[in-house]
PDB file of N, CA and C in Angstrom:
ATOM      1  N   THR A   1      89.993  94.447 105.983  1.00  0.00           N
ATOM      2  CA  THR A   1      89.547  94.754 104.259  1.00  0.00           C
ATOM      3  C   THR A   1      88.585  93.674 104.139  1.00  0.00           C
ATOM      4  N   MET A   2      87.038  94.181 103.678  1.00  0.00           N
ATOM      5  CA  MET A   2      86.198  93.314 103.311  1.00  0.00           C
ATOM      6  C   MET A   2      86.716  92.328 102.206  1.00  0.00           C
ATOM      7  N   CYS A   3      87.842  92.484 101.159  1.00  0.00           N
ATOM      8  CA  CYS A   3      88.446  91.522 100.015  1.00  0.00           C
ATOM      9  C   CYS A   3      89.172  90.490 101.332  1.00  0.00           C
ATOM     10  N   ALA A   4      89.962  90.994 102.079  1.00  0.00           N
ATOM     11  CA  ALA A   4      90.296  89.753 103.243  1.00  0.00           C
ATOM     12  C   ALA A   4      89.437  88.634 103.535  1.00  0.00           C
ATOM     13  N   GLN A   5      88.369  89.574 104.386  1.00  0.00           N
ATOM     14  CA  GLN A   5      87.417  88.773 105.273  1.00  0.00           C
ATOM     15  C   GLN A   5      86.620  87.621 104.037  1.00  0.00           C
ATOM     16  N   LEU A   6      86.534  88.134 102.991  1.00  0.00           N
ATOM     17  CA  LEU A   6      85.720  87.174 101.671  1.00  0.00           C
ATOM     18  C   LEU A   6      86.691  86.632 101.142  1.00  0.00           C
ATOM     19  N   LYS A   7      87.998  86.499 101.879  1.00  0.00           N
ATOM     20  CA  LYS A   7      89.019  85.570 101.096  1.00  0.00           C
ATOM     21  C   LYS A   7      89.296  85.957  99.674  1.00  0.00           C
ATOM     22  N   VAL A   8      89.471  87.349  99.295  1.00  0.00           N
ATOM     23  CA  VAL A   8      89.689  87.390  97.945  1.00  0.00           C
ATOM     24  C   VAL A   8      91.042  88.199  98.100  1.00  0.00           C
ATOM     25  N   SER A   9      92.145  88.128  97.238  1.00  0.00           N
ATOM     26  CA  SER A   9      93.270  88.469  97.100  1.00  0.00           C
ATOM     27  C   SER A   9      93.355  89.426  95.886  1.00  0.00           C
ATOM     28  N   VAL A  10      93.859  90.534  96.279  1.00  0.00           N
ATOM     29  CA  VAL A  10      94.182  91.554  95.304  1.00  0.00           C
ATOM     30  C   VAL A  10      95.466  91.933  94.766  1.00  0.00           C
ATOM     31  N   ASP A  11      95.890  91.762  93.255  1.00  0.00           N
ATOM     32  CA  ASP A  11      97.140  91.975  92.577  1.00  0.00           C
ATOM     33  C   ASP A  11      96.904  93.385  91.870  1.00  0.00           C
ATOM     34  N   ILE A  12      97.778  94.232  92.024  1.00  0.00           N
ATOM     35  CA  ILE A  12      97.743  95.392  91.214  1.00  0.00           C
ATOM     36  C   ILE A  12      98.599  95.315  90.374  1.00  0.00           C
ATOM     37  N   PHE A  13      98.218  95.858  89.104  1.00  0.00           N
ATOM     38  CA  PHE A  13      99.385  95.883  87.895  1.00  0.00           C
ATOM     39  C   PHE A  13      99.563  97.498  87.403  1.00  0.00           C
ATOM     40  N   ALA A  14     100.239  97.904  88.284  1.00  0.00           N
ATOM     41  CA  ALA A  14     100.785  99.687  88.259  1.00  0.00           C
ATOM     42  C   ALA A  14     101.401  99.941  86.776  1.00  0.00           C
ATOM     43  N   CYS A  15     100.583 100.701  85.887  1.00  0.00           N
ATOM     44  CA  CYS A  15     101.330 100.869  84.603  1.00  0.00           C
ATOM     45  C   CYS A  15     101.057 102.601  84.186  1.00  0.00           C
ATOM     46  N   ALA A  16     101.573 103.236  85.146  1.00  0.00           N
ATOM     47  CA  ALA A  16     101.561 104.631  85.639  1.00  0.00           C
ATOM     48  C   ALA A  16     102.802 105.598  84.810  1.00  0.00           C
ATOM     49  N   ASN A  17     102.621 106.778  84.397  1.00  0.00           N
ATOM     50  CA  ASN A  17     103.722 107.004  83.808  1.00  0.00           C
ATOM     51  C   ASN A  17     103.564 108.409  84.383  1.00  0.00           C
ATOM     52  N   ASP A  18     102.814 108.813  85.463  1.00  0.00           N
ATOM     53  CA  ASP A  18     103.098 109.677  86.560  1.00  0.00           C
ATOM     54  C   ASP A  18     103.295 109.467  87.885  1.00  0.00           C
ATOM     55  N   TYR A  19     103.168 110.288  88.680  1.00  0.00           N
ATOM     56  CA  TYR A  19     103.327 110.180  90.338  1.00  0.00           C
ATOM     57  C   TYR A  19     102.390 108.963  90.436  1.00  0.00           C
ATOM     58  N   LEU A  20     102.381 107.906  91.443  1.00  0.00           N
ATOM     59  CA  LEU A  20     101.606 106.830  91.676  1.00  0.00           C
ATOM     60  C   LEU A  20     102.031 106.437  93.428  1.00  0.00           C
ATOM     61  N   ASP A  21     100.845 106.662  94.146  1.00  0.00           N
ATOM     62  CA  ASP A  21     101.272 106.237  95.263  1.00  0.00           C
ATOM     63  C   ASP A  21     101.112 105.082  96.021  1.00  0.00           C
ATOM     64  N   LEU A  22     102.203 104.246  95.502  1.00  0.00           N
ATOM     65  CA  LEU A  22     102.111 102.884  95.817  1.00  0.00           C
ATOM     66  C   LEU A  22     101.755 102.477  97.077  1.00  0.00           C
ATOM     67  N   ALA A  23     102.097 103.251  98.170  1.00  0.00           N
ATOM     68  CA  ALA A  23     102.127 102.998  99.979  1.00  0.00           C
ATOM     69  C   ALA A  23     100.689 102.745 100.123  1.00  0.00           C
ATOM     70  N   THR A  24      99.971 103.827  99.462  1.00  0.00           N
ATOM     71  CA  THR A  24      98.584 103.847 100.218  1.00  0.00           C
ATOM     72  C   THR A  24      97.802 102.854  99.510  1.00  0.00           C
ATOM     73  N   ILE A  25      97.821 102.578  98.004  1.00  0.00           N
ATOM     74  CA  ILE A  25      97.268 101.692  97.406  1.00  0.00           C
ATOM     75  C   ILE A  25      97.291 100.450  97.331  1.00  0.00           C
ATOM     76  N   GLY A  26      98.685  99.947  98.032  1.00  0.00           N
ATOM     77  CA  GLY A  26      99.538  98.656  98.162  1.00  0.00           C
ATOM     78  C   GLY A  26      98.924  98.350  99.069  1.00  0.00           C
ATOM     79  N   ALA A  27      98.393  98.787 100.052  1.00  0.00           N
ATOM     80  CA  ALA A  27      97.608  98.232 101.338  1.00  0.00           C
ATOM     81  C   ALA A  27      96.611  96.983 101.275  1.00  0.00           C
ATOM     82  N   LEU A  28      96.111  97.495  99.792  1.00  0.00           N
ATOM     83  CA  LEU A  28      94.920  96.500  99.658  1.00  0.00           C
ATOM     84  C   LEU A  28      95.837  95.037  99.111  1.00  0.00           C
ATOM     85  N   SER A  29      96.931  95.339  98.435  1.00  0.00           N
ATOM     86  CA  SER A  29      97.612  94.353  98.250  1.00  0.00           C
ATOM     87  C   SER A  29      98.124  93.355  99.518  1.00  0.00           C
ATOM     88  N   ARG A  30      98.656  94.109 100.482  1.00  0.00           N
ATOM     89  CA  ARG A  30      99.271  93.827 101.634  1.00  0.00           C
ATOM     90  C   ARG A  30      98.234  93.035 102.444  1.00  0.00           C
ATOM     91  N   THR A  31      97.024  93.571 102.408  1.00  0.00           N
ATOM     92  CA  THR A  31      96.260  92.950 103.587  1.00  0.00           C
ATOM     93  C   THR A  31      95.504  91.781 103.129  1.00  0.00           C
ATOM     94  N   THR A  32      95.437  91.691 101.746  1.00  0.00           N
ATOM     95  CA  THR A  32      95.143  90.560 101.196  1.00  0.00           C
ATOM     96  C   THR A  32      95.499  89.501 100.391  1.00  0.00           C
ATOM     97  N   GLY A  33      97.044  89.408 100.553  1.00  0.00           N
ATOM     98  CA  GLY A  33      98.215  88.397 100.426  1.00  0.00           C
ATOM     99  C   GLY A  33      98.212  88.522  98.962  1.00  0.00           C
ATOM    100  N   GLY A  34      97.925  89.519  98.432  1.00  0.00           N
ATOM    101  CA  GLY A  34      98.175  90.154  96.733  1.00  0.00           C
ATOM    102  C   GLY A  34      99.736  90.025  96.528  1.00  0.00           C
ATOM    103  N   GLN A  35      99.676  90.727  95.258  1.00  0.00           N
ATOM    104  CA  GLN A  35     101.009  91.222  94.859  1.00  0.00           C
ATOM    105  C   GLN A  35     100.816  92.664  94.007  1.00  0.00           C
ATOM    106  N   ILE A  36     101.991  93.300  93.790  1.00  0.00           N
ATOM    107  CA  ILE A  36     102.204  94.741  93.190  1.00  0.00           C
ATOM    108  C   ILE A  36     102.923  94.630  92.181  1.00  0.00           C
ATOM    109  N   TYR A  37     102.856  94.792  91.205  1.00  0.00           N
ATOM    110  CA  TYR A  37     103.460  94.494  89.600  1.00  0.00           C
ATOM    111  C   TYR A  37     103.873  96.076  89.141  1.00  0.00           C
ATOM    112  N   TYR A  38     104.838  96.638  89.242  1.00  0.00           N
ATOM    113  CA  TYR A  38     105.122  98.144  89.067  1.00  0.00           C
ATOM    114  C   TYR A  38     105.816  98.275  88.169  1.00  0.00           C
ATOM    115  N   TYR A  39     105.572  98.990  86.862  1.00  0.00           N
ATOM    116  CA  TYR A  39     106.505  99.054  85.584  1.00  0.00           C
ATOM    117  C   TYR A  39     106.696 100.809  85.524  1.00  0.00           C
ATOM    118  N   ASN A  40     107.403 101.056  85.872  1.00  0.00           N
ATOM    119  CA  ASN A  40     107.657 102.729  85.995  1.00  0.00           C
ATOM    120  C   ASN A  40     108.159 103.264  84.657  1.00  0.00           C
ATOM    121  N   ALA A  41     107.270 104.540  84.697  1.00  0.00           N
ATOM    122  CA  ALA A  41     107.330 105.023  83.190  1.00  0.00           C
ATOM    123  C   ALA A  41     106.848 104.162  82.115  1.00  0.00           C
ATOM    124  N   PHE A  42     105.972 103.737  82.334  1.00  0.00           N
ATOM    125  CA  PHE A  42     105.595 102.449  81.516  1.00  0.00           C
ATOM    126  C   PHE A  42     105.081 102.993  79.990  1.00  0.00           C
ATOM    127  N   ASN A  43     105.715 102.170  78.917  1.00  0.00           N
ATOM    128  CA  ASN A  43     105.623 102.524  77.539  1.00  0.00           C
ATOM    129  C   ASN A  43     105.368 100.950  77.113  1.00  0.00           C
ATOM    130  N   ALA A  44     104.315 100.990  76.545  1.00  0.00           N
ATOM    131  CA  ALA A  44     103.739  99.562  75.778  1.00  0.00           C
ATOM    132  C   ALA A  44     105.077  98.894  74.964  1.00  0.00           C
ATOM    133  N   ASN A  45     105.751  99.945  74.341  1.00  0.00           N
ATOM    134  CA  ASN A  45     107.270  99.119  73.486  1.00  0.00           C
ATOM    135  C   ASN A  45     107.882  98.475  74.151  1.00  0.00           C
ATOM    136  N   LYS A  46     108.047  99.187  75.337  1.00  0.00           N
ATOM    137  CA  LYS A  46     109.454  98.861  76.036  1.00  0.00           C
ATOM    138  C   LYS A  46     108.798  97.505  77.362  1.00  0.00           C
ATOM    139  N   ASP A  47     107.823  97.862  77.598  1.00  0.00           N
ATOM    140  CA  ASP A  47     107.073  97.331  78.889  1.00  0.00           C
ATOM    141  C   ASP A  47     105.948  96.259  78.653  1.00  0.00           C
ATOM    142  N   GLY A  48     105.540  96.415  77.402  1.00  0.00           N
ATOM    143  CA  GLY A  48     104.296  95.494  77.168  1.00  0.00           C
ATOM    144  C   GLY A  48     104.476  93.937  77.193  1.00  0.00           C
ATOM    145  N   GLU A  49     105.814  93.270  76.946  1.00  0.00           N
ATOM    146  CA  GLU A  49     105.850  92.064  77.011  1.00  0.00           C
ATOM    147  C   GLU A  49     106.319  91.655  78.290  1.00  0.00           C
ATOM    148  N   ALA A  50     106.726  92.537  79.451  1.00  0.00           N
ATOM    149  CA  ALA A  50     106.772  92.026  80.521  1.00  0.00           C
ATOM    150  C   ALA A  50     105.470  92.414  81.292  1.00  0.00           C
ATOM    151  N   LEU A  51     104.756  93.274  81.144  1.00  0.00           N
ATOM    152  CA  LEU A  51     103.099  93.099  81.637  1.00  0.00           C
ATOM    153  C   LEU A  51     102.467  91.793  81.153  1.00  0.00           C
ATOM    154  N   HIS A  52     102.691  91.600  79.897  1.00  0.00           N
ATOM    155  CA  HIS A  52     101.794  90.756  79.138  1.00  0.00           C
ATOM    156  C   HIS A  52     102.776  89.293  80.014  1.00  0.00           C
ATOM    157  N   ARG A  53     103.645  88.796  80.213  1.00  0.00           N
ATOM    158  CA  ARG A  53     104.363  87.844  80.795  1.00  0.00           C
ATOM    159  C   ARG A  53     104.193  87.481  82.189  1.00  0.00           C
ATOM    160  N   ASP A  54     104.082  88.937  83.032  1.00  0.00           N
ATOM    161  CA  ASP A  54     103.683  88.881  84.333  1.00  0.00           C
ATOM    162  C   ASP A  54     102.008  88.501  84.586  1.00  0.00           C
ATOM    163  N   MET A  55     101.307  89.282  83.618  1.00  0.00           N
ATOM    164  CA  MET A  55      99.857  88.854  83.742  1.00  0.00           C
ATOM    165  C   MET A  55      99.380  87.313  83.623  1.00  0.00           C
ATOM    166  N   TYR A  56     100.331  86.940  82.440  1.00  0.00           N
ATOM    167  CA  TYR A  56     100.086  85.138  82.058  1.00  0.00           C
ATOM    168  C   TYR A  56     100.579  84.277  83.352  1.00  0.00           C
ATOM    169  N   ARG A  57     101.808  84.677  83.982  1.00  0.00           N
ATOM    170  CA  ARG A  57     101.814  83.832  84.774  1.00  0.00           C
ATOM    171  C   ARG A  57     100.827  84.128  85.925  1.00  0.00           C
ATOM    172  N   ASN A  58     100.546  85.369  86.370  1.00  0.00           N
ATOM    173  CA  ASN A  58      99.727  85.446  87.295  1.00  0.00           C
ATOM    174  C   ASN A  58      98.584  84.607  87.595  1.00  0.00           C
ATOM    175  N   ILE A  59      97.852  84.468  86.237  1.00  0.00           N
ATOM    176  CA  ILE A  59      96.203  83.679  86.115  1.00  0.00           C
ATOM    177  C   ILE A  59      96.603  82.449  85.584  1.00  0.00           C
ATOM    178  N   SER A  60      97.868  81.992  85.393  1.00  0.00           N
ATOM    179  CA  SER A  60      98.222  80.474  85.183  1.00  0.00           C
ATOM    180  C   SER A  60      99.022  79.804  85.817  1.00  0.00           C
ATOM    181  N   ARG A  61      99.611  80.134  87.125  1.00  0.00           N
ATOM    182  CA  ARG A  61     100.404  79.502  88.076  1.00  0.00           C
ATOM    183  C   ARG A  61      99.582  78.937  88.819  1.00  0.00           C
ATOM    184  N   PHE A  62      99.695  77.690  89.656  1.00  0.00           N
ATOM    185  CA  PHE A  62      99.093  76.908  90.666  1.00  0.00           C
ATOM    186  C   PHE A  62      98.738  77.779  91.864  1.00  0.00           C
ATOM    187  N   THR A  63      97.679  77.636  92.207  1.00  0.00           N
ATOM    188  CA  THR A  63      97.343  78.516  93.522  1.00  0.00           C
ATOM    189  C   THR A  63      96.883  77.642  94.576  1.00  0.00           C
ATOM    190  N   ALA A  64      96.811  77.895  95.744  1.00  0.00           N
ATOM    191  CA  ALA A  64      96.560  77.264  96.963  1.00  0.00           C
ATOM    192  C   ALA A  64      95.352  78.141  97.374  1.00  0.00           C
ATOM    193  N   PHE A  65      94.217  77.784  97.759  1.00  0.00           N
ATOM    194  CA  PHE A  65      93.335  79.065  98.449  1.00  0.00           C
ATOM    195  C   PHE A  65      92.839  78.917  99.661  1.00  0.00           C
ATOM    196  N   GLN A  66      92.377  79.630 100.462  1.00  0.00           N
ATOM    197  CA  GLN A  66      92.130  79.724 101.732  1.00  0.00           C
ATOM    198  C   GLN A  66      93.058  79.102 102.602  1.00  0.00           C
ATOM    199  N   GLY A  67      94.296  79.523 102.581  1.00  0.00           N
ATOM    200  CA  GLY A  67      95.442  79.387 103.512  1.00  0.00           C
ATOM    201  C   GLY A  67      95.687  79.852 104.951  1.00  0.00           C
ATOM    202  N   VAL A  68      95.659  79.127 105.843  1.00  0.00           N
ATOM    203  CA  VAL A  68      95.812  79.640 107.458  1.00  0.00           C
ATOM    204  C   VAL A  68      96.773  79.113 108.022  1.00  0.00           C
ATOM    205  N   MET A  69      97.550  80.007 108.500  1.00  0.00           N
ATOM    206  CA  MET A  69      98.946  79.551 109.057  1.00  0.00           C
ATOM    207  C   MET A  69      98.573  79.855 110.717  1.00  0.00           C
ATOM    208  N   VAL A  70      98.812  79.122 111.720  1.00  0.00           N
ATOM    209  CA  VAL A  70      98.397  79.450 113.091  1.00  0.00           C
ATOM    210  C   VAL A  70      99.791  79.139 113.606  1.00  0.00           C
ATOM    211  N   ILE A  71     100.154  80.161 114.574  1.00  0.00           N
ATOM    212  CA  ILE A  71     101.555  80.478 115.208  1.00  0.00           C
ATOM    213  C   ILE A  71     101.163  80.021 116.643  1.00  0.00           C
ATOM    214  N   ARG A  72     101.968  78.554 116.900  1.00  0.00           N
ATOM    215  CA  ARG A  72     102.030  78.384 118.524  1.00  0.00           C
ATOM    216  C   ARG A  72     103.126  78.747 118.990  1.00  0.00           C
ATOM    217  N   THR A  73     103.415  78.686 120.166  1.00  0.00           N
ATOM    218  CA  THR A  73     104.438  78.548 120.818  1.00  0.00           C
ATOM    219  C   THR A  73     104.716  77.918 122.153  1.00  0.00           C
ATOM    220  N   THR A  74     106.031  78.080 123.062  1.00  0.00           N
ATOM    221  CA  THR A  74     105.778  77.160 124.221  1.00  0.00           C
ATOM    222  C   THR A  74     105.130  78.225 125.019  1.00  0.00           C
ATOM    223  N   LYS A  75     104.648  77.905 126.145  1.00  0.00           N
ATOM    224  CA  LYS A  75     104.195  78.573 127.287  1.00  0.00           C
ATOM    225  C   LYS A  75     105.265  79.794 127.728  1.00  0.00           C
ATOM    226  N   GLY A  76     105.149  80.941 127.941  1.00  0.00           N
ATOM    227  CA  GLY A  76     105.836  81.879 128.378  1.00  0.00           C
ATOM    228  C   GLY A  76     106.402  82.520 127.360  1.00  0.00           C
ATOM    229  N   LEU A  77     106.236  82.167 125.675  1.00  0.00           N
ATOM    230  CA  LEU A  77     106.787  82.780 124.674  1.00  0.00           C
ATOM    231  C   LEU A  77     105.428  83.569 124.115  1.00  0.00           C
ATOM    232  N   LYS A  78     105.763  84.567 123.289  1.00  0.00           N
ATOM    233  CA  LYS A  78     104.799  85.441 122.346  1.00  0.00           C
ATOM    234  C   LYS A  78     105.453  85.645 121.197  1.00  0.00           C
ATOM    235  N   VAL A  79     104.791  85.682 120.216  1.00  0.00           N
ATOM    236  CA  VAL A  79     105.289  86.472 119.040  1.00  0.00           C
ATOM    237  C   VAL A  79     104.778  88.202 119.278  1.00  0.00           C
ATOM    238  N   ALA A  80     105.871  88.779 118.804  1.00  0.00           N
ATOM    239  CA  ALA A  80     105.469  90.175 119.169  1.00  0.00           C
ATOM    240  C   ALA A  80     105.185  90.896 117.941  1.00  0.00           C
ATOM    241  N   GLU A  81     105.876  90.433 116.679  1.00  0.00           N
ATOM    242  CA  GLU A  81     105.475  91.092 115.429  1.00  0.00           C
ATOM    243  C   GLU A  81     105.418  89.882 114.332  1.00  0.00           C
ATOM    244  N   LYS A  82     104.508  90.183 113.369  1.00  0.00           N
ATOM    245  CA  LYS A  82     104.551  89.430 112.354  1.00  0.00           C
ATOM    246  C   LYS A  82     104.403  90.230 110.958  1.00  0.00           C
ATOM    247  N   PHE A  83     105.370  89.737 110.077  1.00  0.00           N
ATOM    248  CA  PHE A  83     105.858  90.240 108.685  1.00  0.00           C
ATOM    249  C   PHE A  83     105.337  89.801 107.543  1.00  0.00           C
ATOM    250  N   GLY A  84     104.738  90.120 106.759  1.00  0.00           N
ATOM    251  CA  GLY A  84     104.283  89.581 105.199  1.00  0.00           C
ATOM    252  C   GLY A  84     102.867  90.205 104.876  1.00  0.00           C
ATOM    253  N   ASN A  85     102.557  89.502 103.733  1.00  0.00           N
ATOM    254  CA  ASN A  85     101.037  89.824 103.181  1.00  0.00           C
ATOM    255  C   ASN A  85     100.096  89.028 103.544  1.00  0.00           C
ATOM    256  N   PHE A  86      99.386  89.076 104.758  1.00  0.00           N
ATOM    257  CA  PHE A  86      98.169  88.664 105.108  1.00  0.00           C
ATOM    258  C   PHE A  86      97.264  89.401 105.832  1.00  0.00           C
ATOM    259  N   PHE A  87      96.243  88.659 106.219  1.00  0.00           N
ATOM    260  CA  PHE A  87      95.110  89.327 106.730  1.00  0.00           C
ATOM    261  C   PHE A  87      95.060  88.347 108.383  1.00  0.00           C
ATOM    262  N   ALA A  88      95.066  89.401 109.582  1.00  0.00           N
ATOM    263  CA  ALA A  88      95.383  88.940 110.794  1.00  0.00           C
ATOM    264  C   ALA A  88      93.857  88.869 111.492  1.00  0.00           C
ATOM    265  N   ARG A  89      92.607  87.768 111.726  1.00  0.00           N
ATOM    266  CA  ARG A  89      91.556  88.129 112.298  1.00  0.00           C
ATOM    267  C   ARG A  89      92.034  87.763 113.746  1.00  0.00           C
ATOM    268  N   GLU A  90      92.518  86.812 114.175  1.00  0.00           N
ATOM    269  CA  GLU A  90      92.997  86.144 115.204  1.00  0.00           C
ATOM    270  C   GLU A  90      94.486  86.795 115.696  1.00  0.00           C
ATOM    271  N   ALA A  91      94.714  86.665 116.742  1.00  0.00           N
ATOM    272  CA  ALA A  91      95.938  87.104 117.250  1.00  0.00           C
ATOM    273  C   ALA A  91      97.080  86.011 116.778  1.00  0.00           C
ATOM    274  N   ASP A  92      96.652  84.941 116.823  1.00  0.00           N
ATOM    275  CA  ASP A  92      97.670  84.085 116.276  1.00  0.00           C
ATOM    276  C   ASP A  92      97.383  83.067 115.016  1.00  0.00           C
ATOM    277  N   GLU A  93      96.739  83.561 114.298  1.00  0.00           N
ATOM    278  CA  GLU A  93      96.199  82.953 113.156  1.00  0.00           C
ATOM    279  C   GLU A  93      96.685  84.178 111.901  1.00  0.00           C
ATOM    280  N   MET A  94      97.263  83.698 110.659  1.00  0.00           N
ATOM    281  CA  MET A  94      97.426  84.506 109.503  1.00  0.00           C
ATOM    282  C   MET A  94      96.663  83.894 108.226  1.00  0.00           C
ATOM    283  N   GLU A  95      95.721  84.886 107.759  1.00  0.00           N
ATOM    284  CA  GLU A  95      95.013  84.311 106.678  1.00  0.00           C
ATOM    285  C   GLU A  95      95.650  84.410 105.244  1.00  0.00           C
ATOM    286  N   VAL A  96      95.748  83.852 104.344  1.00  0.00           N
ATOM    287  CA  VAL A  96      96.465  84.232 103.217  1.00  0.00           C
ATOM    288  C   VAL A  96      95.205  83.710 102.075  1.00  0.00           C
ATOM    289  N   PRO A  97      94.552  84.464 101.642  1.00  0.00           N
ATOM    290  CA  PRO A  97      93.303  84.270 100.734  1.00  0.00           C
ATOM    291  C   PRO A  97      94.086  83.023  99.491  1.00  0.00           C
ATOM    292  N   VAL A  98      95.046  83.465  99.135  1.00  0.00           N
ATOM    293  CA  VAL A  98      95.538  82.960  98.074  1.00  0.00           C
ATOM    294  C   VAL A  98      96.719  82.619  98.113  1.00  0.00           C
TER     295      VAL A  98
END
């Protein structure tokens, strides 16, 4: 995605009272190294404090920027699969914007 290429991480705060297709919209967070915060059947009285706490933690925590992890293996070995929230520009690199 363009966000991942520009090294922008996207966090989603989902406060829906109705059906929400997190599998589809969550792809943006997955490919940019972001997180999804989901509050089922959101009610401000019940979930407002949790939303506030999560947002505060998200913007006040220590963050590293432009992380790149390179995978190197012994000759003859190959990494078949990688799991996690990251953007793969090269076959042996995993970029994590934040």
